[in-house]
Amino acid sequence: MSQTAFLLVLAAAFAHAAWNIIAHGSSRSGLPFLWWGSLVSALLWAGAVPFTGGLGTADLGGFLLGAGVSALLHVGYMLLLQRGYAMGDLSLVYATARGTGPLLTVLVAVLALGERPAPLALAGIGVILLGIVGIGFAGRAPRGGAARGPGAVSAPAAPRPRAVPAVGDPPRSAGVPGRRGRLDPGLGYGLATGVAIAAYTVWDTHALRVWELSPVAFMVGCAALELPLLTVGVWRRRRELLPVLRTQWGRLLLFGVLSPLSYILVLTAVTIAPVALVAPVREVSVVLVSLWGAFVFRERRPAARIAASLVVVGGVLLLGAPS
């Protein structure tokens, strides 16, 4: 991977970790927050389109098809992610999703896109995924214990308010007698989110390369086309829109800047580097989110999280090393 692509993806990882921490803090708002997030993202970045290559293509049909399919996949990803954050620990959901996503992306890139990473790069990919799995296991609840959600109490830390499921959520089943051995809901949503990540990553890479689209315009188009889809889902909760805007406007502005920025940097990177390498490197954000969860949210097993995070860093260094 070129140094330029490597730096782009690292910068994307920092932006991605930041917006996921913001989204985690707003998980109880659910769809209303996502609706405003898409609107704010489209408005904030639309002004940059004329200065970043316009659409990047004369094929308007290709642009609409690429952005439309991507919008569908991104809405599915965001819904699964928000639901997972409402049901489980930040680092468990995040690490599981970010581990499954790049693994599937690498497989599709090799089998379908014909990419052939060098042996050292493949070793780095394997080390990164091993570290991400380690972070995920470190975040799992003890067997039979309650799967704690964002902001839940973690003894012996100072008590904090327990997470309240989002409006419309079914009762959480973790820790209910007779349910031992069942799949942790946070882990299940993390795996489903990973599948969505792989789907939109491969599709978006295909769209940019085939139709030669501008990353900024593509991201704005996706955000704009997400709005009608999210409007259908948020319609029954439309009375919550204004209260969410009043109470979350600061987070929405940060989300509107950082969420598109993180993916614009990734989209730019996949135009100059194999997606099989870009997808795993961006998962350095898992390290940042895991450390945040351990030290700020006081989630369980901080030592194991840090050790697994160091493994991820080692894999990133292998990927960044000259071939």
C-alpha atoms as a PDB file:
ATOM      1  CA  MET A   1       0.000   0.000   0.000  1.00  0.00           C
ATOM      2  CA  SER A   2       1.307   3.453  -0.885  1.00  0.00           C
ATOM      3  CA  GLN A   3       2.178   5.866   1.911  1.00  0.00           C
ATOM      4  CA  THR A   4      -0.548   8.275   0.735  1.00  0.00           C
ATOM      5  CA  ALA A   5      -3.249   5.606   0.897  1.00  0.00           C
ATOM      6  CA  PHE A   6      -1.952   4.407   4.257  1.00  0.00           C
ATOM      7  CA  LEU A   7      -2.141   7.898   5.783  1.00  0.00           C
ATOM      8  CA  LEU A   8      -5.593   8.492   4.302  1.00  0.00           C
ATOM      9  CA  VAL A   9      -6.927   5.326   5.908  1.00  0.00           C
ATOM     10  CA  LEU A  10      -5.335   6.080   9.277  1.00  0.00           C
ATOM     11  CA  ALA A  11      -6.926   9.535   9.270  1.00  0.00           C
ATOM     12  CA  ALA A  12     -10.247   7.885   8.366  1.00  0.00           C
ATOM     13  CA  ALA A  13      -9.854   5.535  11.336  1.00  0.00           C
ATOM     14  CA  PHE A  14      -9.543   8.449  13.782  1.00  0.00           C
ATOM     15  CA  ALA A  15     -12.598  10.188  12.298  1.00  0.00           C
ATOM     16  CA  HIS A  16     -14.542   6.922  12.291  1.00  0.00           C
ATOM     17  CA  ALA A  17     -13.760   6.170  15.923  1.00  0.00           C
ATOM     18  CA  ALA A  18     -14.846   9.682  16.901  1.00  0.00           C
ATOM     19  CA  TRP A  19     -18.235   9.516  15.203  1.00  0.00           C
ATOM     20  CA  ASN A  20     -18.942   6.027  16.553  1.00  0.00           C
ATOM     21  CA  ILE A  21     -18.360   7.288  20.083  1.00  0.00           C
ATOM     22  CA  ILE A  22     -20.775  10.129  19.302  1.00  0.00           C
ATOM     23  CA  ALA A  23     -23.328   7.691  17.839  1.00  0.00           C
ATOM     24  CA  HIS A  24     -22.957   5.437  20.871  1.00  0.00           C
ATOM     25  CA  GLY A  25     -23.843   8.329  23.153  1.00  0.00           C
ATOM     26  CA  SER A  26     -26.976   8.972  21.073  1.00  0.00           C
ATOM     27  CA  SER A  27     -28.037   5.337  20.627  1.00  0.00           C
ATOM     28  CA  ARG A  28     -31.244   5.853  22.601  1.00  0.00           C
ATOM     29  CA  SER A  29     -32.379   8.455  20.043  1.00  0.00           C
ATOM     30  CA  GLY A  30     -32.278   5.846  17.269  1.00  0.00           C
ATOM     31  CA  LEU A  31     -33.930   6.713  13.968  1.00  0.00           C
ATOM     32  CA  PRO A  32     -34.579  10.421  14.684  1.00  0.00           C
ATOM     33  CA  PHE A  33     -30.843  10.937  15.251  1.00  0.00           C
ATOM     34  CA  LEU A  34     -29.986   9.029  12.052  1.00  0.00           C
ATOM     35  CA  TRP A  35     -32.514  11.080  10.058  1.00  0.00           C
ATOM     36  CA  TRP A  36     -31.019  14.358  11.212  1.00  0.00           C
ATOM     37  CA  GLY A  37     -27.507  12.933  10.757  1.00  0.00           C
ATOM     38  CA  SER A  38     -28.124  12.182   7.078  1.00  0.00           C
ATOM     39  CA  LEU A  39     -29.692  15.609   6.483  1.00  0.00           C
ATOM     40  CA  VAL A  40     -26.878  17.477   8.244  1.00  0.00           C
ATOM     41  CA  SER A  41     -24.220  15.405   6.436  1.00  0.00           C
ATOM     42  CA  ALA A  42     -25.712  16.134   3.011  1.00  0.00           C
ATOM     43  CA  LEU A  43     -26.084  19.867   3.707  1.00  0.00           C
ATOM     44  CA  LEU A  44     -22.630  20.337   5.213  1.00  0.00           C
ATOM     45  CA  TRP A  45     -20.765  18.518   2.432  1.00  0.00           C
ATOM     46  CA  ALA A  46     -22.835  19.584  -0.584  1.00  0.00           C
ATOM     47  CA  GLY A  47     -20.942  22.867  -0.755  1.00  0.00           C
ATOM     48  CA  ALA A  48     -17.666  20.987  -1.219  1.00  0.00           C
ATOM     49  CA  VAL A  49     -18.818  19.087  -4.342  1.00  0.00           C
ATOM     50  CA  PRO A  50     -17.934  21.813  -6.925  1.00  0.00           C
ATOM     51  CA  PHE A  51     -14.421  22.078  -5.448  1.00  0.00           C
ATOM     52  CA  THR A  52     -13.719  18.326  -5.354  1.00  0.00           C
ATOM     53  CA  GLY A  53     -14.278  17.280  -8.960  1.00  0.00           C
ATOM     54  CA  GLY A  54     -18.058  17.616  -9.223  1.00  0.00           C
ATOM     55  CA  LEU A  55     -19.752  14.280  -9.869  1.00  0.00           C
ATOM     56  CA  GLY A  56     -16.520  12.956 -11.360  1.00  0.00           C
ATOM     57  CA  THR A  57     -18.422  11.405 -14.280  1.00  0.00           C
ATOM     58  CA  ALA A  58     -20.726  12.356 -17.115  1.00  0.00           C
ATOM     59  CA  ASP A  59     -22.784   9.201 -16.475  1.00  0.00           C
ATOM     60  CA  LEU A  60     -25.615  10.524 -14.302  1.00  0.00           C
ATOM     61  CA  GLY A  61     -27.362   7.153 -14.402  1.00  0.00           C
ATOM     62  CA  GLY A  62     -24.259   5.426 -13.048  1.00  0.00           C
ATOM     63  CA  PHE A  63     -23.981   8.001 -10.280  1.00  0.00           C
ATOM     64  CA  LEU A  64     -27.613   7.556  -9.233  1.00  0.00           C
ATOM     65  CA  LEU A  65     -27.402   3.764  -9.353  1.00  0.00           C
ATOM     66  CA  GLY A  66     -24.174   3.693  -7.386  1.00  0.00           C
ATOM     67  CA  ALA A  67     -25.372   6.144  -4.737  1.00  0.00           C
ATOM     68  CA  GLY A  68     -28.858   4.605  -4.547  1.00  0.00           C
ATOM     69  CA  VAL A  69     -27.675   1.064  -3.852  1.00  0.00           C
ATOM     70  CA  SER A  70     -25.091   2.414  -1.421  1.00  0.00           C
ATOM     71  CA  ALA A  71     -27.794   4.378   0.425  1.00  0.00           C
ATOM     72  CA  LEU A  72     -29.829   1.193   0.913  1.00  0.00           C
ATOM     73  CA  LEU A  73     -26.810  -0.671   2.264  1.00  0.00           C
ATOM     74  CA  HIS A  74     -25.736   2.199   4.526  1.00  0.00           C
ATOM     75  CA  VAL A  75     -29.220   2.560   6.029  1.00  0.00           C
ATOM     76  CA  GLY A  76     -29.198  -1.145   6.855  1.00  0.00           C
ATOM     77  CA  TYR A  77     -25.739  -0.754   8.393  1.00  0.00           C
ATOM     78  CA  MET A  78     -26.731   2.244  10.514  1.00  0.00           C
ATOM     79  CA  LEU A  79     -29.926   0.621  11.781  1.00  0.00           C
ATOM     80  CA  LEU A  80     -28.072  -2.520  12.809  1.00  0.00           C
ATOM     81  CA  LEU A  81     -25.293  -0.501  14.457  1.00  0.00           C
ATOM     82  CA  GLN A  82     -27.675   1.723  16.426  1.00  0.00           C
ATOM     83  CA  ARG A  83     -29.686  -1.295  17.526  1.00  0.00           C
ATOM     84  CA  GLY A  84     -26.506  -3.060  18.610  1.00  0.00           C
ATOM     85  CA  TYR A  85     -25.347  -0.050  20.627  1.00  0.00           C
ATOM     86  CA  ALA A  86     -28.708   0.012  22.399  1.00  0.00           C
ATOM     87  CA  MET A  87     -28.384  -3.676  23.290  1.00  0.00           C
ATOM     88  CA  GLY A  88     -24.720  -4.238  24.213  1.00  0.00           C
ATOM     89  CA  ASP A  89     -21.299  -2.885  25.132  1.00  0.00           C
ATOM     90  CA  LEU A  90     -19.731  -0.327  22.802  1.00  0.00           C
ATOM     91  CA  SER A  91     -16.521  -2.270  22.185  1.00  0.00           C
ATOM     92  CA  LEU A  92     -18.206  -5.670  21.819  1.00  0.00           C
ATOM     93  CA  VAL A  93     -20.595  -4.477  19.119  1.00  0.00           C
ATOM     94  CA  TYR A  94     -18.023  -2.264  17.430  1.00  0.00           C
ATOM     95  CA  ALA A  95     -15.183  -4.811  17.426  1.00  0.00           C
ATOM     96  CA  THR A  96     -17.365  -7.670  16.197  1.00  0.00           C
ATOM     97  CA  ALA A  97     -18.736  -5.556  13.362  1.00  0.00           C
ATOM     98  CA  ARG A  98     -15.345  -4.172  12.372  1.00  0.00           C
ATOM     99  CA  GLY A  99     -13.793  -7.661  12.426  1.00  0.00           C
ATOM    100  CA  THR A 100     -16.463  -9.387  10.357  1.00  0.00           C
ATOM    101  CA  GLY A 101     -16.653  -6.568   7.799  1.00  0.00           C
ATOM    102  CA  PRO A 102     -13.020  -6.536   6.636  1.00  0.00           C
ATOM    103  CA  LEU A 103     -12.757 -10.329   6.694  1.00  0.00           C
ATOM    104  CA  LEU A 104     -15.652 -10.664   4.265  1.00  0.00           C
ATOM    105  CA  THR A 105     -14.370  -7.703   2.231  1.00  0.00           C
ATOM    106  CA  VAL A 106     -10.949  -9.314   1.797  1.00  0.00           C
ATOM    107  CA  LEU A 107     -12.535 -12.606   0.717  1.00  0.00           C
ATOM    108  CA  VAL A 108     -14.734 -10.874  -1.882  1.00  0.00           C
ATOM    109  CA  ALA A 109     -11.834  -8.701  -3.092  1.00  0.00           C
ATOM    110  CA  VAL A 110      -9.663 -11.773  -3.660  1.00  0.00           C
ATOM    111  CA  LEU A 111     -12.358 -14.049  -5.103  1.00  0.00           C
ATOM    112  CA  ALA A 112     -14.468 -11.566  -7.089  1.00  0.00           C
ATOM    113  CA  LEU A 113     -12.341  -8.475  -7.730  1.00  0.00           C
ATOM    114  CA  GLY A 114      -9.153 -10.382  -8.525  1.00  0.00           C
ATOM    115  CA  GLU A 115      -6.967  -8.590  -5.980  1.00  0.00           C
ATOM    116  CA  ARG A 116      -3.848 -10.439  -4.824  1.00  0.00           C
ATOM    117  CA  PRO A 117      -2.309  -9.013  -1.618  1.00  0.00           C
ATOM    118  CA  ALA A 118       1.378  -9.797  -0.990  1.00  0.00           C
ATOM    119  CA  PRO A 119       2.244 -12.452   1.651  1.00  0.00           C
ATOM    120  CA  LEU A 120       3.324  -9.806   4.194  1.00  0.00           C
ATOM    121  CA  ALA A 121       0.055  -7.937   3.644  1.00  0.00           C
ATOM    122  CA  LEU A 122      -1.954 -11.130   4.128  1.00  0.00           C
ATOM    123  CA  ALA A 123      -0.085 -11.740   7.383  1.00  0.00           C
ATOM    124  CA  GLY A 124      -0.945  -8.215   8.520  1.00  0.00           C
ATOM    125  CA  ILE A 125      -4.618  -8.766   7.641  1.00  0.00           C
ATOM    126  CA  GLY A 126      -4.632 -11.959   9.702  1.00  0.00           C
ATOM    127  CA  VAL A 127      -3.010 -10.261  12.704  1.00  0.00           C
ATOM    128  CA  ILE A 128      -5.488  -7.364  12.568  1.00  0.00           C
ATOM    129  CA  LEU A 129      -8.467  -9.701  12.479  1.00  0.00           C
ATOM    130  CA  LEU A 130      -7.002 -11.767  15.333  1.00  0.00           C
ATOM    131  CA  GLY A 131      -6.673  -8.631  17.452  1.00  0.00           C
ATOM    132  CA  ILE A 132     -10.206  -7.492  16.629  1.00  0.00           C
ATOM    133  CA  VAL A 133     -11.592 -10.897  17.618  1.00  0.00           C
ATOM    134  CA  GLY A 134      -9.627 -10.599  20.863  1.00  0.00           C
ATOM    135  CA  ILE A 135     -11.208  -7.220  21.592  1.00  0.00           C
ATOM    136  CA  GLY A 136     -14.624  -8.701  20.875  1.00  0.00           C
ATOM    137  CA  PHE A 137     -14.089 -11.595  23.271  1.00  0.00           C
ATOM    138  CA  ALA A 138     -12.769  -9.223  25.925  1.00  0.00           C
ATOM    139  CA  GLY A 139     -16.070  -7.344  25.703  1.00  0.00           C
ATOM    140  CA  ARG A 140     -18.305 -10.385  26.073  1.00  0.00           C
ATOM    141  CA  ALA A 141     -20.431 -10.658  29.190  1.00  0.00           C
ATOM    142  CA  PRO A 142     -19.668 -13.537  31.577  1.00  0.00           C
ATOM    143  CA  ARG A 143     -21.841 -16.557  30.910  1.00  0.00           C
ATOM    144  CA  GLY A 144     -25.211 -16.002  32.504  1.00  0.00           C
ATOM    145  CA  GLY A 145     -24.372 -12.366  33.322  1.00  0.00           C
ATOM    146  CA  ALA A 146     -26.148  -9.344  32.036  1.00  0.00           C
ATOM    147  CA  ALA A 147     -24.961  -7.858  28.792  1.00  0.00           C
ATOM    148  CA  ARG A 148     -24.564  -4.261  29.815  1.00  0.00           C
ATOM    149  CA  GLY A 149     -25.426  -1.469  27.499  1.00  0.00           C
ATOM    150  CA  PRO A 150     -23.921   1.992  27.068  1.00  0.00           C
ATOM    151  CA  GLY A 151     -23.431   3.747  30.380  1.00  0.00           C
ATOM    152  CA  ALA A 152     -24.407   0.714  32.456  1.00  0.00           C
ATOM    153  CA  VAL A 153     -22.968   0.146  35.913  1.00  0.00           C
ATOM    154  CA  SER A 154     -19.644  -1.695  36.002  1.00  0.00           C
ATOM    155  CA  ALA A 155     -18.625  -2.557  39.570  1.00  0.00           C
ATOM    156  CA  PRO A 156     -16.581  -1.434  41.349  1.00  0.00           C
ATOM    157  CA  ALA A 157     -16.649   1.742  39.311  1.00  0.00           C
ATOM    158  CA  ALA A 158     -18.726   4.678  40.456  1.00  0.00           C
ATOM    159  CA  PRO A 159     -22.355   4.074  39.518  1.00  0.00           C
ATOM    160  CA  ARG A 160     -23.690   5.602  36.334  1.00  0.00           C
ATOM    161  CA  PRO A 161     -27.239   5.516  34.938  1.00  0.00           C
ATOM    162  CA  ARG A 162     -28.218   2.290  33.241  1.00  0.00           C
ATOM    163  CA  ALA A 163     -28.909   2.387  29.542  1.00  0.00           C
ATOM    164  CA  VAL A 164     -32.549   2.617  28.604  1.00  0.00           C
ATOM    165  CA  PRO A 165     -33.567   0.776  25.405  1.00  0.00           C
ATOM    166  CA  ALA A 166     -34.590   2.972  22.510  1.00  0.00           C
ATOM    167  CA  VAL A 167     -38.266   3.738  22.025  1.00  0.00           C
ATOM    168  CA  GLY A 168     -39.927   0.698  20.485  1.00  0.00           C
ATOM    169  CA  ASP A 169     -37.193  -1.730  21.552  1.00  0.00           C
ATOM    170  CA  PRO A 170     -38.313  -5.076  22.973  1.00  0.00           C
ATOM    171  CA  PRO A 171     -37.291  -5.901  26.548  1.00  0.00           C
ATOM    172  CA  ARG A 172     -33.655  -6.931  26.826  1.00  0.00           C
ATOM    173  CA  SER A 173     -33.266 -10.645  27.544  1.00  0.00           C
ATOM    174  CA  ALA A 174     -29.687 -10.745  28.839  1.00  0.00           C
ATOM    175  CA  GLY A 175     -29.403 -12.124  32.314  1.00  0.00           C
ATOM    176  CA  VAL A 176     -32.941 -13.522  32.416  1.00  0.00           C
ATOM    177  CA  PRO A 177     -33.105 -16.942  34.079  1.00  0.00           C
ATOM    178  CA  GLY A 178     -33.361 -19.786  31.567  1.00  0.00           C
ATOM    179  CA  ARG A 179     -31.634 -17.814  28.824  1.00  0.00           C
ATOM    180  CA  ARG A 180     -28.077 -18.879  29.555  1.00  0.00           C
ATOM    181  CA  GLY A 181     -26.106 -20.033  26.543  1.00  0.00           C
ATOM    182  CA  ARG A 182     -28.069 -17.905  24.106  1.00  0.00           C
ATOM    183  CA  LEU A 183     -26.223 -15.686  21.662  1.00  0.00           C
ATOM    184  CA  ASP A 184     -25.339 -12.332  23.197  1.00  0.00           C
ATOM    185  CA  PRO A 185     -27.605  -9.822  21.389  1.00  0.00           C
ATOM    186  CA  GLY A 186     -24.746  -7.347  21.039  1.00  0.00           C
ATOM    187  CA  LEU A 187     -22.600 -10.018  19.383  1.00  0.00           C
ATOM    188  CA  GLY A 188     -25.390 -10.971  16.984  1.00  0.00           C
ATOM    189  CA  TYR A 189     -25.984  -7.383  15.916  1.00  0.00           C
ATOM    190  CA  GLY A 190     -22.234  -6.898  15.570  1.00  0.00           C
ATOM    191  CA  LEU A 191     -21.988  -9.838  13.152  1.00  0.00           C
ATOM    192  CA  ALA A 192     -24.953  -8.580  11.122  1.00  0.00           C
ATOM    193  CA  THR A 193     -23.415  -5.105  11.005  1.00  0.00           C
ATOM    194  CA  GLY A 194     -20.170  -6.640   9.722  1.00  0.00           C
ATOM    195  CA  VAL A 195     -22.006  -8.235   6.809  1.00  0.00           C
ATOM    196  CA  ALA A 196     -23.504  -4.838   5.958  1.00  0.00           C
ATOM    197  CA  ILE A 197     -20.048  -3.221   6.153  1.00  0.00           C
ATOM    198  CA  ALA A 198     -18.625  -5.744   3.689  1.00  0.00           C
ATOM    199  CA  ALA A 199     -21.566  -5.252   1.327  1.00  0.00           C
ATOM    200  CA  TYR A 200     -21.329  -1.471   1.130  1.00  0.00           C
ATOM    201  CA  THR A 201     -17.511  -1.473   1.016  1.00  0.00           C
ATOM    202  CA  VAL A 202     -17.377  -3.810  -1.990  1.00  0.00           C
ATOM    203  CA  TRP A 203     -20.259  -2.076  -3.772  1.00  0.00           C
ATOM    204  CA  ASP A 204     -18.905   1.423  -3.211  1.00  0.00           C
ATOM    205  CA  THR A 205     -15.447   0.400  -4.426  1.00  0.00           C
ATOM    206  CA  HIS A 206     -17.032  -1.084  -7.546  1.00  0.00           C
ATOM    207  CA  ALA A 207     -19.112   2.055  -8.163  1.00  0.00           C
ATOM    208  CA  LEU A 208     -16.179   4.448  -7.813  1.00  0.00           C
ATOM    209  CA  ARG A 209     -13.926   2.407 -10.085  1.00  0.00           C
ATOM    210  CA  VAL A 210     -16.478   1.587 -12.794  1.00  0.00           C
ATOM    211  CA  TRP A 211     -18.147   5.007 -13.064  1.00  0.00           C
ATOM    212  CA  GLU A 212     -15.104   7.039 -11.898  1.00  0.00           C
ATOM    213  CA  LEU A 213     -17.171   8.935  -9.341  1.00  0.00           C
ATOM    214  CA  SER A 214     -15.924  11.708  -7.071  1.00  0.00           C
ATOM    215  CA  PRO A 215     -15.754  10.432  -3.453  1.00  0.00           C
ATOM    216  CA  VAL A 216     -17.249  13.645  -2.026  1.00  0.00           C
ATOM    217  CA  ALA A 217     -20.155  13.779  -4.491  1.00  0.00           C
ATOM    218  CA  PHE A 218     -20.771  10.067  -3.995  1.00  0.00           C
ATOM    219  CA  MET A 219     -20.943  10.502  -0.215  1.00  0.00           C
ATOM    220  CA  VAL A 220     -23.319  13.471  -0.535  1.00  0.00           C
ATOM    221  CA  GLY A 221     -25.513  11.523  -2.951  1.00  0.00           C
ATOM    222  CA  CYS A 222     -25.669   8.596  -0.531  1.00  0.00           C
ATOM    223  CA  ALA A 223     -26.607  10.818   2.401  1.00  0.00           C
ATOM    224  CA  ALA A 224     -29.311  12.590   0.377  1.00  0.00           C
ATOM    225  CA  LEU A 225     -30.815   9.317  -0.864  1.00  0.00           C
ATOM    226  CA  GLU A 226     -30.804   7.880   2.648  1.00  0.00           C
ATOM    227  CA  LEU A 227     -33.297  10.534   3.758  1.00  0.00           C
ATOM    228  CA  PRO A 228     -36.407   9.118   1.990  1.00  0.00           C
ATOM    229  CA  LEU A 229     -35.595   5.648   3.330  1.00  0.00           C
ATOM    230  CA  LEU A 230     -35.099   6.902   6.869  1.00  0.00           C
ATOM    231  CA  THR A 231     -38.253   9.046   6.621  1.00  0.00           C
ATOM    232  CA  VAL A 232     -40.342   5.909   6.124  1.00  0.00           C
ATOM    233  CA  GLY A 233     -38.821   4.364   9.219  1.00  0.00           C
ATOM    234  CA  VAL A 234     -39.014   7.483  11.392  1.00  0.00           C
ATOM    235  CA  TRP A 235     -42.553   8.505  10.420  1.00  0.00           C
ATOM    236  CA  ARG A 236     -44.192   6.959  13.477  1.00  0.00           C
ATOM    237  CA  ARG A 237     -41.658   8.774  15.666  1.00  0.00           C
ATOM    238  CA  ARG A 238     -41.801  12.098  13.828  1.00  0.00           C
ATOM    239  CA  ARG A 239     -42.792  13.934  17.008  1.00  0.00           C
ATOM    240  CA  GLU A 240     -39.368  13.102  18.403  1.00  0.00           C
ATOM    241  CA  LEU A 241     -37.508  14.863  15.574  1.00  0.00           C
ATOM    242  CA  LEU A 242     -37.589  18.399  16.975  1.00  0.00           C
ATOM    243  CA  PRO A 243     -36.733  17.339  20.551  1.00  0.00           C
ATOM    244  CA  VAL A 244     -33.754  15.354  19.220  1.00  0.00           C
ATOM    245  CA  LEU A 245     -32.596  18.371  17.212  1.00  0.00           C
ATOM    246  CA  ARG A 246     -32.870  20.651  20.250  1.00  0.00           C
ATOM    247  CA  THR A 247     -31.000  18.309  22.591  1.00  0.00           C
ATOM    248  CA  GLN A 248     -28.506  16.711  20.175  1.00  0.00           C
ATOM    249  CA  TRP A 249     -27.634  19.528  17.766  1.00  0.00           C
ATOM    250  CA  GLY A 250     -24.014  19.641  18.854  1.00  0.00           C
ATOM    251  CA  ARG A 251     -23.526  15.914  18.336  1.00  0.00           C
ATOM    252  CA  LEU A 252     -25.370  16.120  15.028  1.00  0.00           C
ATOM    253  CA  LEU A 253     -22.959  18.761  13.743  1.00  0.00           C
ATOM    254  CA  LEU A 254     -19.969  16.663  14.760  1.00  0.00           C
ATOM    255  CA  PHE A 255     -21.569  13.580  13.250  1.00  0.00           C
ATOM    256  CA  GLY A 256     -22.310  15.484  10.029  1.00  0.00           C
ATOM    257  CA  VAL A 257     -18.657  16.422   9.663  1.00  0.00           C
ATOM    258  CA  LEU A 258     -16.890  13.299  10.897  1.00  0.00           C
ATOM    259  CA  SER A 259     -19.045  10.482   9.535  1.00  0.00           C
ATOM    260  CA  PRO A 260     -18.824  11.590   5.870  1.00  0.00           C
ATOM    261  CA  LEU A 261     -15.175  12.627   6.296  1.00  0.00           C
ATOM    262  CA  SER A 262     -14.159   9.188   7.531  1.00  0.00           C
ATOM    263  CA  TYR A 263     -15.704   7.479   4.530  1.00  0.00           C
ATOM    264  CA  ILE A 264     -14.614  10.074   1.968  1.00  0.00           C
ATOM    265  CA  LEU A 265     -11.027   9.368   3.029  1.00  0.00           C
ATOM    266  CA  VAL A 266     -11.614   5.620   2.645  1.00  0.00           C
ATOM    267  CA  LEU A 267     -13.252   6.073  -0.773  1.00  0.00           C
ATOM    268  CA  THR A 268     -10.294   8.152  -1.892  1.00  0.00           C
ATOM    269  CA  ALA A 269      -7.909   5.452  -0.661  1.00  0.00           C
ATOM    270  CA  VAL A 270      -9.634   2.624  -2.579  1.00  0.00           C
ATOM    271  CA  THR A 271      -9.093   4.534  -5.828  1.00  0.00           C
ATOM    272  CA  ILE A 272      -5.318   4.245  -5.341  1.00  0.00           C
ATOM    273  CA  ALA A 273      -4.936   1.052  -3.289  1.00  0.00           C
ATOM    274  CA  PRO A 274      -6.499  -2.462  -3.179  1.00  0.00           C
ATOM    275  CA  VAL A 275      -9.666  -2.608  -1.083  1.00  0.00           C
ATOM    276  CA  ALA A 276      -8.345  -5.858   0.442  1.00  0.00           C
ATOM    277  CA  LEU A 277      -5.687  -3.723   2.174  1.00  0.00           C
ATOM    278  CA  VAL A 278      -7.725  -0.580   2.830  1.00  0.00           C
ATOM    279  CA  ALA A 279     -10.576  -2.383   4.628  1.00  0.00           C
ATOM    280  CA  PRO A 280      -8.412  -3.971   7.366  1.00  0.00           C
ATOM    281  CA  VAL A 281      -6.204  -0.898   7.964  1.00  0.00           C
ATOM    282  CA  ARG A 282      -9.191   1.332   8.737  1.00  0.00           C
ATOM    283  CA  GLU A 283      -9.914  -1.010  11.648  1.00  0.00           C
ATOM    284  CA  VAL A 284      -7.257   0.726  13.735  1.00  0.00           C
ATOM    285  CA  SER A 285     -10.334   2.679  14.829  1.00  0.00           C
ATOM    286  CA  VAL A 286     -11.244  -0.418  16.849  1.00  0.00           C
ATOM    287  CA  VAL A 287      -8.208   0.256  19.042  1.00  0.00           C
ATOM    288  CA  LEU A 288      -9.335   3.818  19.728  1.00  0.00           C
ATOM    289  CA  VAL A 289     -12.936   2.858  20.491  1.00  0.00           C
ATOM    290  CA  SER A 290     -11.850  -0.077  22.648  1.00  0.00           C
ATOM    291  CA  LEU A 291      -9.583   2.138  24.750  1.00  0.00           C
ATOM    292  CA  TRP A 292     -12.350   4.719  25.062  1.00  0.00           C
ATOM    293  CA  GLY A 293     -14.754   2.032  26.224  1.00  0.00           C
ATOM    294  CA  ALA A 294     -12.255   0.686  28.748  1.00  0.00           C
ATOM    295  CA  PHE A 295     -11.165   3.970  30.317  1.00  0.00           C
ATOM    296  CA  VAL A 296     -14.180   6.273  29.876  1.00  0.00           C
ATOM    297  CA  PHE A 297     -17.131   3.866  30.033  1.00  0.00           C
ATOM    298  CA  ARG A 298     -15.223   1.542  32.383  1.00  0.00           C
ATOM    299  CA  GLU A 299     -16.212  -1.532  30.440  1.00  0.00           C
ATOM    300  CA  ARG A 300     -14.929  -4.912  31.579  1.00  0.00           C
ATOM    301  CA  ARG A 301     -11.426  -6.398  31.148  1.00  0.00           C
ATOM    302  CA  PRO A 302      -9.394  -3.298  30.221  1.00  0.00           C
ATOM    303  CA  ALA A 303      -6.070  -5.208  30.279  1.00  0.00           C
ATOM    304  CA  ALA A 304      -7.333  -7.761  27.746  1.00  0.00           C
ATOM    305  CA  ARG A 305      -8.686  -4.973  25.537  1.00  0.00           C
ATOM    306  CA  ILE A 306      -5.352  -3.150  25.561  1.00  0.00           C
ATOM    307  CA  ALA A 307      -3.421  -6.349  24.770  1.00  0.00           C
ATOM    308  CA  ALA A 308      -5.705  -7.164  21.853  1.00  0.00           C
ATOM    309  CA  SER A 309      -5.467  -3.568  20.641  1.00  0.00           C
ATOM    310  CA  LEU A 310      -1.678  -3.873  20.517  1.00  0.00           C
ATOM    311  CA  VAL A 311      -2.113  -6.931  18.307  1.00  0.00           C
ATOM    312  CA  VAL A 312      -4.197  -4.822  15.904  1.00  0.00           C
ATOM    313  CA  VAL A 313      -1.478  -2.177  15.846  1.00  0.00           C
ATOM    314  CA  GLY A 314       1.077  -4.862  15.018  1.00  0.00           C
ATOM    315  CA  GLY A 315      -1.006  -5.993  12.052  1.00  0.00           C
ATOM    316  CA  VAL A 316      -1.360  -2.423  10.812  1.00  0.00           C
ATOM    317  CA  LEU A 317       2.426  -2.012  10.961  1.00  0.00           C
ATOM    318  CA  LEU A 318       2.821  -5.165   8.858  1.00  0.00           C
ATOM    319  CA  LEU A 319       0.401  -3.784   6.275  1.00  0.00           C
ATOM    320  CA  GLY A 320       2.217  -0.459   6.205  1.00  0.00           C
ATOM    321  CA  ALA A 321       5.652  -2.059   5.776  1.00  0.00           C
ATOM    322  CA  PRO A 322       7.258  -1.992   2.286  1.00  0.00           C
ATOM    323  CA  SER A 323       6.449  -5.138   0.291  1.00  0.00           C
END
